Amino acid sequence: MRRWVQLVLLGGVLVVSASSLVAQAPRAARPRVYIIATGGTISNPGDDKRRTGTELVDGIPRIREIADVTVEQFSNVASGAVTQEMWRSLALRIRAMQQGDSAPAGFVVTHGTDTMEETAYFLSLTVGDCSPVVVTGAMRQANAVGADGPANLLNAVRIAAAPAARARGTLVLMNDEIFAARDVTKSNTTRLNAFTAPDAGVLGLADPDTVIFYRAPPSTCLPPRFDLASLGDFPRVDVVYANIGADSVVVDALVNAGAQGLVLAGVGRGGSTPSMGRALRRAAERGVMIAVSNRTGSGRVGRGASADTLAVLPAGRGASIGATDLNPQKARVLMMLALAAHFDATGIATLFDVR
């Protein structure tokens, strides 16, 4: 596009308006961001009709100024309705789009907040590559006063498009705060600052002027820890909760139902009652893998911390494994994938130690 020079003679003074006959520089290409909508409160306007991902994006014009976005409606359900097979399909979809020269700079997944941390952690183990996956949602419905969904979605796109986010894997963005998928948990039922990382803290911030990270990314882009294409059906893994008076009933019932792995949400540093401990030892002797986490909300459970709960058995049979800093629901995700990949007790224990 060319603009003409307008010459006006005013009182003998030549005034030049507009620009000279120079071709206008083309606008810099925007990064490509692929948005996958799965549902959740961010799409819920308070009635029976959930908003689509396209409707969410169209309601925030600035998004298209930041990135060249494509929207896919993967599902439109509450986060409690998300299944493990949906996880598999979602991860494989992202992996397929990462291949080739036309791969997006990053991905955004909109999701309900109740199980967001589990989906994010599953994706962190099964997607990998350079392009970040940013999971976001909303604590308030779309029709609420002060709805947080639009700001969260805008910031998630900003992060997905940011060069500083590359090689960081799967992230969670809520309330302007960026979390690593392994570290984050939902720690409040309703507040906008419901998401926290009790031990590791926030990874970065989506400030108004820029996206900043407090820790350096990996030196190279990492492949997924688990190759979903080579995994069969996910085995049954359940969480059992320790409390005063807990007996053997739940543990025995889950083993009889076919559980191949159990995660103990233990008291303190992985403890349980004598009755539950005996049931867990029986389960381990039958080949059930046991990971010992805690119900406190933070802190590590090391390999030897659960010795008073159940005996460690030789590799190849069931064993007691400290879940380190993983909460029970995330320990379950890792155990499920490790068993599907046929890791033995030693291999699974090593997986829990790797951040």
Foldseek 3Di string as FASTA:
>chain_A
DFDDWDWDQDPNDTDTDDDHGDDDDDDDAAFEEEEEEAAAQLQFQPDDDGHFPVVLCVVQVCLVVRHPYDYDHLHHDAQVPDDPVSLLVVQVVLQVLCDDPPRTLAYEYEHHQQCQLQSLLLSQQAHFAFQEYEYEYWLHHPNDVVTQSSVQVSLSSQLRRDPQNTLLYYWYTFPQFIARSQQWDQCDNHDSPRIFRVPPTTQWGSDPVHTDGDDHHDPHTDHRNFHSVPFDDFAAEEEDEADPPDAQVVLVVVVVVGHQEYEYQAADLQAHDPRNLVNVQVSQQVQRAYEGHHNPQFFWRQQCNCCVRYHADDKPTHGYATLTTGGRSNLRSLVRRCVRVVHIPVRSNVVSVDD
